[in-house]
Amino acid sequence: MRSIWNGAISFGLVSIPIKLVNATENHSISFRQVHVEDGGRIRYRKVCELDGEEVTPAEIGKAYEDADGTMIPITDEDLSRLPLPTAKTIEIVAFVPADAIDPLQMDAAYYLSANGVPAAKPYTLLREALKRSRKVALAKYALRGRERLGMLRVVDDVIAMHGLLWPDEIRAPEGVAPESDVTVRDAELDLADALMDTLGEVDMDSLHDDYREAVEELIAAKASGEAPEPAEPGAKGGGKVIDLLAALESSVKAAKEARGEEEDSVADVTSLADRKSSGAAKKSASAPKTGGGKKSTASGTGKQAAKKTATRSTAKKTAAKKTTAKKTGSKSTASRKRASA
């Protein structure tokens, strides 16, 4: 991998020479603009709007456009004179827990490579310190003409850096949430839980870009003079859910079929009430015994159930005795009648 930036990590008084390389790559298929009539390439030419002449890259400079349209020229030399301590340094400013970083701030990702043999020891020291602390490092660095914020973390045996957006670059989500009050029923939440459990987890390495593969197949077919195969009709959405419960039930069934489970199998749905009572039982069972010799709620509940069972059993025996006594009384009355006759 080719380095895109050379500098050093500033870790207190420790300086670690490093090279910065891109950790990601873009696999998107790019298209050219062509003239539909004859297939000729459409190209963009850089032309000066004052004299209409095309200019070369060497003749192009930078300028800041003021509010009134005035152009203020800015040269590379002007920028190099700025008091920017992070021009060639990734300056670590703090160590924080990883969950302190909002994922909305995440930007491009880079690998930091030790630059030379002398850098191996301090590089390894920082890597192992990050591992043991289970924290990430917040740092400032300059790249492509601007100062940026970064987060350093360990990936396998390499220190990686994620470019971060500055906090004031994150927009507040005002007016994005539904404005009307919506009530979600327990049954709907139960089915949503069942759907989440059915879908389960996924191996990230198994995910791939289906659209890119379809475009590649289309290009290959047209290049060989073949007619591209028509695409299979996809599920028609419309973005409108008529019956949320029915849609959730169908989703659970479809997910089970996709996982190779039996179609007739019903998703295990745990109601919120059962979940609460289960949680209460767990808490009671795990509660420590007090000095007064009180027993846990779970044990008391078991004894109450046993007591109720014993009571029902006693009632049955009493009823049986009464029935037997009644039959015995009837027989003795009949015998006395026959004797008197």
Protein backbone atom coordinates (compact mmCIF):
# COMPACT_ATOMS: atom_id res chain seq x y z
CA MET A 1 0.00 0.00 0.00
CA ARG A 2 1.27 3.41 -0.96
CA SER A 3 1.62 5.98 1.81
CA ILE A 4 -0.27 9.23 1.39
CA TRP A 5 1.35 11.14 4.27
CA ASN A 6 4.56 10.93 6.27
CA GLY A 7 4.97 12.38 9.73
CA ALA A 8 5.06 11.36 13.37
CA ILE A 9 2.77 10.55 16.28
CA SER A 10 3.37 12.89 19.21
CA PHE A 11 2.77 10.86 22.40
CA GLY A 12 3.83 13.20 25.21
CA LEU A 13 7.58 13.57 24.75
CA VAL A 14 7.70 10.41 22.61
CA SER A 15 7.80 10.86 18.84
CA ILE A 16 6.92 7.89 16.61
CA PRO A 17 7.77 8.26 12.88
CA ILE A 18 4.87 6.83 10.86
CA LYS A 19 3.46 6.53 7.36
CA LEU A 20 -0.26 6.98 6.67
CA VAL A 21 -1.97 4.61 4.23
CA ASN A 22 -5.63 4.28 3.24
CA ALA A 23 -7.40 1.47 5.09
CA THR A 24 -10.34 1.35 2.69
CA GLU A 25 -10.84 1.26 -1.06
CA ASN A 26 -13.76 2.12 -3.31
CA HIS A 27 -15.11 -0.70 -5.49
CA SER A 28 -17.91 1.32 -7.08
CA ILE A 29 -18.21 1.09 -10.86
CA SER A 30 -17.75 4.48 -12.51
CA PHE A 31 -19.30 5.52 -15.82
CA ARG A 32 -18.18 8.01 -18.45
CA GLN A 33 -20.42 10.59 -20.02
CA VAL A 34 -20.82 10.05 -23.77
CA HIS A 35 -22.60 11.65 -26.67
CA VAL A 36 -25.69 9.47 -27.21
CA GLU A 37 -25.67 10.08 -30.97
CA ASP A 38 -22.15 8.83 -31.76
CA GLY A 39 -20.72 7.51 -28.46
CA GLY A 40 -18.00 10.16 -28.24
CA ARG A 41 -16.58 11.00 -24.78
CA ILE A 42 -17.85 14.17 -23.15
CA ARG A 43 -14.93 15.95 -21.49
CA TYR A 44 -14.71 18.95 -19.22
CA ARG A 45 -12.27 21.70 -20.03
CA LYS A 46 -11.15 24.33 -17.54
CA VAL A 47 -11.73 27.70 -19.13
CA CYS A 48 -11.12 31.19 -17.76
CA GLU A 49 -14.44 33.02 -17.69
CA LEU A 50 -12.75 36.36 -18.48
CA ASP A 51 -10.90 35.57 -21.69
CA GLY A 52 -12.57 32.25 -22.60
CA GLU A 53 -9.20 30.51 -22.95
CA GLU A 54 -8.55 26.95 -21.73
CA VAL A 55 -5.90 26.87 -18.99
CA THR A 56 -3.44 24.16 -17.86
CA PRO A 57 -3.15 22.90 -14.23
CA ALA A 58 0.06 24.90 -13.80
CA GLU A 59 -1.86 28.12 -14.48
CA ILE A 60 -4.54 27.43 -11.86
CA GLY A 61 -4.21 28.79 -8.32
CA LYS A 62 -6.41 29.19 -5.23
CA ALA A 63 -8.57 32.13 -4.18
CA TYR A 64 -11.22 32.84 -1.57
CA GLU A 65 -14.42 34.42 -2.85
CA ASP A 66 -15.59 37.23 -0.59
CA ALA A 67 -19.25 38.03 0.05
CA ASP A 68 -19.23 40.75 -2.64
CA GLY A 69 -17.67 38.39 -5.21
CA THR A 70 -14.11 39.69 -4.85
CA MET A 71 -11.43 36.98 -5.31
CA ILE A 72 -8.68 37.00 -2.67
CA PRO A 73 -5.67 34.98 -3.93
CA ILE A 74 -4.21 32.43 -1.48
CA THR A 75 -0.93 30.68 -2.34
CA ASP A 76 0.56 27.45 -1.03
CA GLU A 77 3.33 29.54 0.47
CA ASP A 78 0.75 31.55 2.44
CA LEU A 79 -0.71 28.35 3.85
CA SER A 80 2.70 26.89 4.71
CA ARG A 81 3.46 29.93 6.91
CA LEU A 82 0.42 29.35 9.13
CA PRO A 83 1.27 28.39 12.75
CA LEU A 84 -0.04 24.83 12.42
CA PRO A 85 1.79 22.48 14.84
CA THR A 86 0.03 19.43 13.37
CA ALA A 87 1.34 20.01 9.84
CA LYS A 88 3.52 16.88 10.07
CA THR A 89 2.43 15.53 13.43
CA ILE A 90 -0.47 13.47 14.73
CA GLU A 91 -0.73 15.09 18.14
CA ILE A 92 -2.50 12.93 20.76
CA VAL A 93 -4.53 15.17 23.06
CA ALA A 94 -6.47 12.66 25.22
CA PHE A 95 -7.36 9.02 25.86
CA VAL A 96 -11.08 8.26 26.18
CA PRO A 97 -13.40 5.20 26.22
CA ALA A 98 -14.38 4.08 22.73
CA ASP A 99 -18.08 4.61 23.43
CA ALA A 100 -17.39 8.30 24.09
CA ILE A 101 -17.03 8.77 20.32
CA ASP A 102 -20.31 9.36 18.49
CA PRO A 103 -20.43 7.11 15.37
CA LEU A 104 -21.86 10.09 13.47
CA GLN A 105 -18.38 11.65 13.66
CA MET A 106 -16.68 8.72 11.89
CA ASP A 107 -15.04 9.60 8.57
CA ALA A 108 -12.23 8.05 6.50
CA ALA A 109 -10.05 5.25 7.95
CA TYR A 110 -6.25 4.89 7.74
CA TYR A 111 -3.55 2.49 8.88
CA LEU A 112 -0.53 3.94 10.66
CA SER A 113 2.69 2.13 9.75
CA ALA A 114 5.94 2.44 11.70
CA ASN A 115 8.39 4.31 9.49
CA GLY A 116 11.76 2.64 9.94
CA VAL A 117 13.36 0.31 12.50
CA PRO A 118 13.79 2.92 15.29
CA ALA A 119 10.01 3.54 15.22
CA ALA A 120 9.15 -0.11 15.97
CA LYS A 121 9.67 0.08 19.75
CA PRO A 122 7.65 3.26 20.51
CA TYR A 123 5.00 2.14 18.00
CA THR A 124 4.60 -1.19 19.82
CA LEU A 125 4.56 0.60 23.18
CA LEU A 126 1.64 2.82 22.13
CA ARG A 127 -0.21 -0.14 20.58
CA GLU A 128 0.07 -2.28 23.72
CA ALA A 129 -0.85 0.66 25.97
CA LEU A 130 -4.03 1.20 23.96
CA LYS A 131 -4.85 -2.52 24.17
CA ARG A 132 -4.37 -2.70 27.93
CA SER A 133 -6.27 0.51 28.70
CA ARG A 134 -9.15 -0.46 26.38
CA LYS A 135 -9.31 3.17 25.35
CA VAL A 136 -8.84 5.10 22.14
CA ALA A 137 -6.63 8.13 21.56
CA LEU A 138 -8.01 11.46 20.36
CA ALA A 139 -5.57 13.32 18.14
CA LYS A 140 -5.22 16.34 15.88
CA TYR A 141 -3.53 16.16 12.49
CA ALA A 142 -3.35 18.14 9.26
CA LEU A 143 -4.15 16.60 5.87
CA ARG A 144 -4.97 18.13 2.49
CA GLY A 145 -4.79 21.72 3.67
CA ARG A 146 -6.86 21.55 6.83
CA GLU A 147 -6.55 20.47 10.44
CA ARG A 148 -8.62 17.43 11.36
CA LEU A 149 -9.64 15.38 14.36
CA GLY A 150 -8.75 11.69 14.57
CA MET A 151 -9.27 8.61 16.72
CA LEU A 152 -6.50 6.04 17.12
CA ARG A 153 -7.39 2.44 17.99
CA VAL A 154 -5.83 -1.00 17.62
CA VAL A 155 -6.87 -3.34 14.78
CA ASP A 156 -5.12 -6.72 15.09
CA ASP A 157 -1.46 -5.67 15.48
CA VAL A 158 -1.79 -2.32 13.73
CA ILE A 159 -2.72 1.15 14.95
CA ALA A 160 -5.58 2.49 12.85
CA MET A 161 -6.79 6.06 12.70
CA HIS A 162 -10.34 7.17 11.92
CA GLY A 163 -10.79 10.71 10.73
CA LEU A 164 -13.50 12.39 12.80
CA LEU A 165 -15.76 15.28 12.00
CA TRP A 166 -15.50 18.19 14.39
CA PRO A 167 -18.42 18.31 16.87
CA ASP A 168 -19.78 21.52 15.29
CA GLU A 169 -19.99 19.71 11.92
CA ILE A 170 -22.68 17.33 13.23
CA ARG A 171 -26.16 18.67 12.60
CA ALA A 172 -28.81 18.40 15.31
CA PRO A 173 -31.66 16.02 14.30
CA GLU A 174 -34.31 18.71 14.55
CA GLY A 175 -37.58 17.98 12.75
CA VAL A 176 -36.48 14.46 11.79
CA ALA A 177 -38.44 12.38 14.34
CA PRO A 178 -42.19 11.84 13.76
CA GLU A 179 -44.07 14.90 14.92
CA SER A 180 -47.29 13.07 15.84
CA ASP A 181 -47.60 10.98 19.01
CA VAL A 182 -47.50 7.28 18.14
CA THR A 183 -48.43 4.48 20.53
CA VAL A 184 -46.76 1.11 20.06
CA ARG A 185 -48.63 -1.88 21.46
CA ASP A 186 -46.98 -4.63 23.48
CA ALA A 187 -47.96 -7.23 20.88
CA GLU A 188 -46.16 -5.25 18.18
CA LEU A 189 -43.03 -4.98 20.32
CA ASP A 190 -43.18 -8.73 21.03
CA LEU A 191 -43.31 -9.52 17.31
CA ALA A 192 -40.51 -7.05 16.60
CA ASP A 193 -38.40 -8.86 19.24
CA ALA A 194 -39.25 -12.20 17.65
CA LEU A 195 -38.21 -10.90 14.23
CA MET A 196 -34.91 -9.62 15.64
CA ASP A 197 -34.24 -13.00 17.28
CA THR A 198 -35.13 -14.87 14.07
CA LEU A 199 -32.85 -12.76 11.90
CA GLY A 200 -30.09 -13.31 14.45
CA GLU A 201 -26.49 -12.38 13.70
CA VAL A 202 -24.54 -12.27 10.44
CA ASP A 203 -20.98 -12.95 9.36
CA MET A 204 -19.78 -9.55 8.15
CA ASP A 205 -17.42 -11.19 5.63
CA SER A 206 -20.42 -12.80 3.90
CA LEU A 207 -21.95 -9.44 2.99
CA HIS A 208 -21.25 -8.12 -0.51
CA ASP A 209 -22.50 -5.59 -3.05
CA ASP A 210 -25.23 -7.33 -5.10
CA TYR A 211 -25.85 -4.23 -7.20
CA ARG A 212 -22.19 -3.97 -8.28
CA GLU A 213 -22.18 -7.66 -9.28
CA ALA A 214 -25.34 -7.15 -11.34
CA VAL A 215 -23.79 -4.12 -13.11
CA GLU A 216 -20.61 -6.14 -13.87
CA GLU A 217 -22.72 -8.95 -15.35
CA LEU A 218 -24.65 -6.40 -17.42
CA ILE A 219 -21.40 -4.88 -18.77
CA ALA A 220 -19.95 -8.33 -19.57
CA ALA A 221 -23.14 -9.36 -21.41
CA LYS A 222 -23.26 -6.19 -23.50
CA ALA A 223 -19.51 -6.38 -24.25
CA SER A 224 -19.95 -9.91 -25.65
CA GLY A 225 -22.98 -8.91 -27.72
CA GLU A 226 -25.47 -10.86 -25.61
CA ALA A 227 -28.83 -9.57 -24.52
CA PRO A 228 -28.84 -8.93 -20.77
CA GLU A 229 -31.20 -11.18 -18.83
CA PRO A 230 -34.28 -9.41 -17.47
CA ALA A 231 -34.17 -8.81 -13.76
CA GLU A 232 -36.50 -10.75 -11.51
CA PRO A 233 -39.32 -8.62 -10.14
CA GLY A 234 -38.52 -7.57 -6.61
CA ALA A 235 -40.88 -7.15 -3.72
CA LYS A 236 -43.18 -4.21 -4.28
CA GLY A 237 -42.98 -1.91 -1.35
CA GLY A 238 -44.80 1.43 -1.49
CA GLY A 239 -43.70 2.50 1.95
CA LYS A 240 -47.20 2.09 3.36
CA VAL A 241 -47.97 -0.49 6.06
CA ILE A 242 -51.67 -1.33 6.34
CA ASP A 243 -51.49 -3.89 9.15
CA LEU A 244 -48.32 -3.66 11.21
CA LEU A 245 -48.95 -6.90 13.12
CA ALA A 246 -49.59 -8.84 9.90
CA ALA A 247 -46.46 -7.38 8.32
CA LEU A 248 -44.36 -8.37 11.36
CA GLU A 249 -45.79 -11.90 11.38
CA SER A 250 -45.07 -12.27 7.66
CA SER A 251 -41.54 -10.96 8.21
CA VAL A 252 -40.89 -13.50 10.97
CA LYS A 253 -42.17 -16.30 8.71
CA ALA A 254 -40.05 -15.13 5.76
CA ALA A 255 -36.95 -14.87 7.96
CA LYS A 256 -37.48 -18.42 9.25
CA GLU A 257 -37.85 -19.73 5.68
CA ALA A 258 -34.67 -17.92 4.65
CA ARG A 259 -32.80 -19.58 7.53
CA GLY A 260 -34.06 -23.02 6.44
CA GLU A 261 -36.43 -23.48 9.36
CA GLU A 262 -39.81 -25.14 9.01
CA GLU A 263 -42.52 -22.92 7.59
CA ASP A 264 -45.08 -24.13 10.11
CA SER A 265 -42.89 -23.33 13.08
CA VAL A 266 -44.18 -20.42 15.09
CA ALA A 267 -41.84 -17.76 16.41
CA ASP A 268 -41.39 -17.78 20.16
CA VAL A 269 -42.93 -14.53 21.31
CA THR A 270 -42.30 -13.45 24.86
CA SER A 271 -44.86 -10.95 26.01
CA LEU A 272 -43.77 -7.87 27.90
CA ALA A 273 -45.77 -8.97 30.95
CA ASP A 274 -44.04 -12.37 31.01
CA ARG A 275 -40.71 -10.66 30.52
CA LYS A 276 -41.36 -8.38 33.51
CA SER A 277 -42.50 -11.24 35.76
CA SER A 278 -39.50 -13.31 34.65
CA GLY A 279 -37.21 -10.42 35.47
CA ALA A 280 -38.87 -10.02 38.89
CA ALA A 281 -38.46 -13.73 39.62
CA LYS A 282 -34.78 -13.56 38.66
CA LYS A 283 -34.25 -10.59 40.95
CA SER A 284 -36.04 -12.33 43.83
CA ALA A 285 -34.07 -15.54 43.34
CA SER A 286 -30.79 -13.66 43.26
CA ALA A 287 -31.62 -11.45 46.27
CA PRO A 288 -29.39 -12.17 49.32
CA LYS A 289 -30.94 -13.53 52.54
CA THR A 290 -31.35 -11.00 55.33
CA GLY A 291 -30.23 -11.44 58.93
CA GLY A 292 -33.86 -11.94 60.12
CA GLY A 293 -34.03 -15.29 58.34
CA LYS A 294 -36.47 -14.11 55.64
CA LYS A 295 -36.69 -16.40 52.66
CA SER A 296 -36.65 -15.33 49.04
CA THR A 297 -39.83 -14.46 47.19
CA ALA A 298 -39.26 -17.33 44.76
CA SER A 299 -39.13 -19.82 47.67
CA GLY A 300 -42.25 -18.23 49.27
CA THR A 301 -44.08 -18.49 45.99
CA GLY A 302 -43.17 -22.19 45.72
CA LYS A 303 -44.46 -22.85 49.27
CA GLN A 304 -47.70 -21.03 48.56
CA ALA A 305 -48.21 -23.15 45.46
CA ALA A 306 -47.52 -26.34 47.48
CA LYS A 307 -49.92 -25.17 50.19
CA LYS A 308 -52.65 -24.59 47.63
CA THR A 309 -52.07 -28.06 46.16
CA ALA A 310 -52.27 -29.63 49.64
CA THR A 311 -55.49 -27.74 50.36
CA ARG A 312 -57.06 -29.00 47.14
CA SER A 313 -55.96 -32.56 47.97
CA THR A 314 -57.49 -32.30 51.50
CA ALA A 315 -60.75 -30.98 50.05
CA LYS A 316 -60.92 -33.93 47.67
CA LYS A 317 -60.36 -36.43 50.52
CA THR A 318 -63.05 -34.75 52.66
CA ALA A 319 -65.52 -34.89 49.77
CA ALA A 320 -64.74 -38.59 49.24
CA LYS A 321 -65.32 -39.34 52.95
CA LYS A 322 -68.68 -37.54 52.88
CA THR A 323 -69.74 -39.51 49.82
CA THR A 324 -68.73 -42.80 51.49
CA ALA A 325 -70.53 -41.87 54.70
CA LYS A 326 -73.68 -40.97 52.75
CA LYS A 327 -73.60 -44.31 50.94
CA THR A 328 -73.05 -46.19 54.24
CA GLY A 329 -75.96 -44.33 55.86
CA SER A 330 -78.25 -45.19 52.95
CA LYS A 331 -77.33 -48.88 53.18
CA SER A 332 -77.97 -49.08 56.96
CA THR A 333 -81.39 -47.36 56.59
CA ALA A 334 -82.41 -49.84 53.92
CA SER A 335 -81.38 -52.78 56.20
CA ARG A 336 -83.45 -51.44 59.08
CA LYS A 337 -86.50 -51.10 56.85
CA ARG A 338 -86.16 -54.71 55.65
CA ALA A 339 -85.76 -55.96 59.25
CA SER A 340 -88.87 -54.18 60.46
CA ALA A 341 -90.87 -55.56 57.54
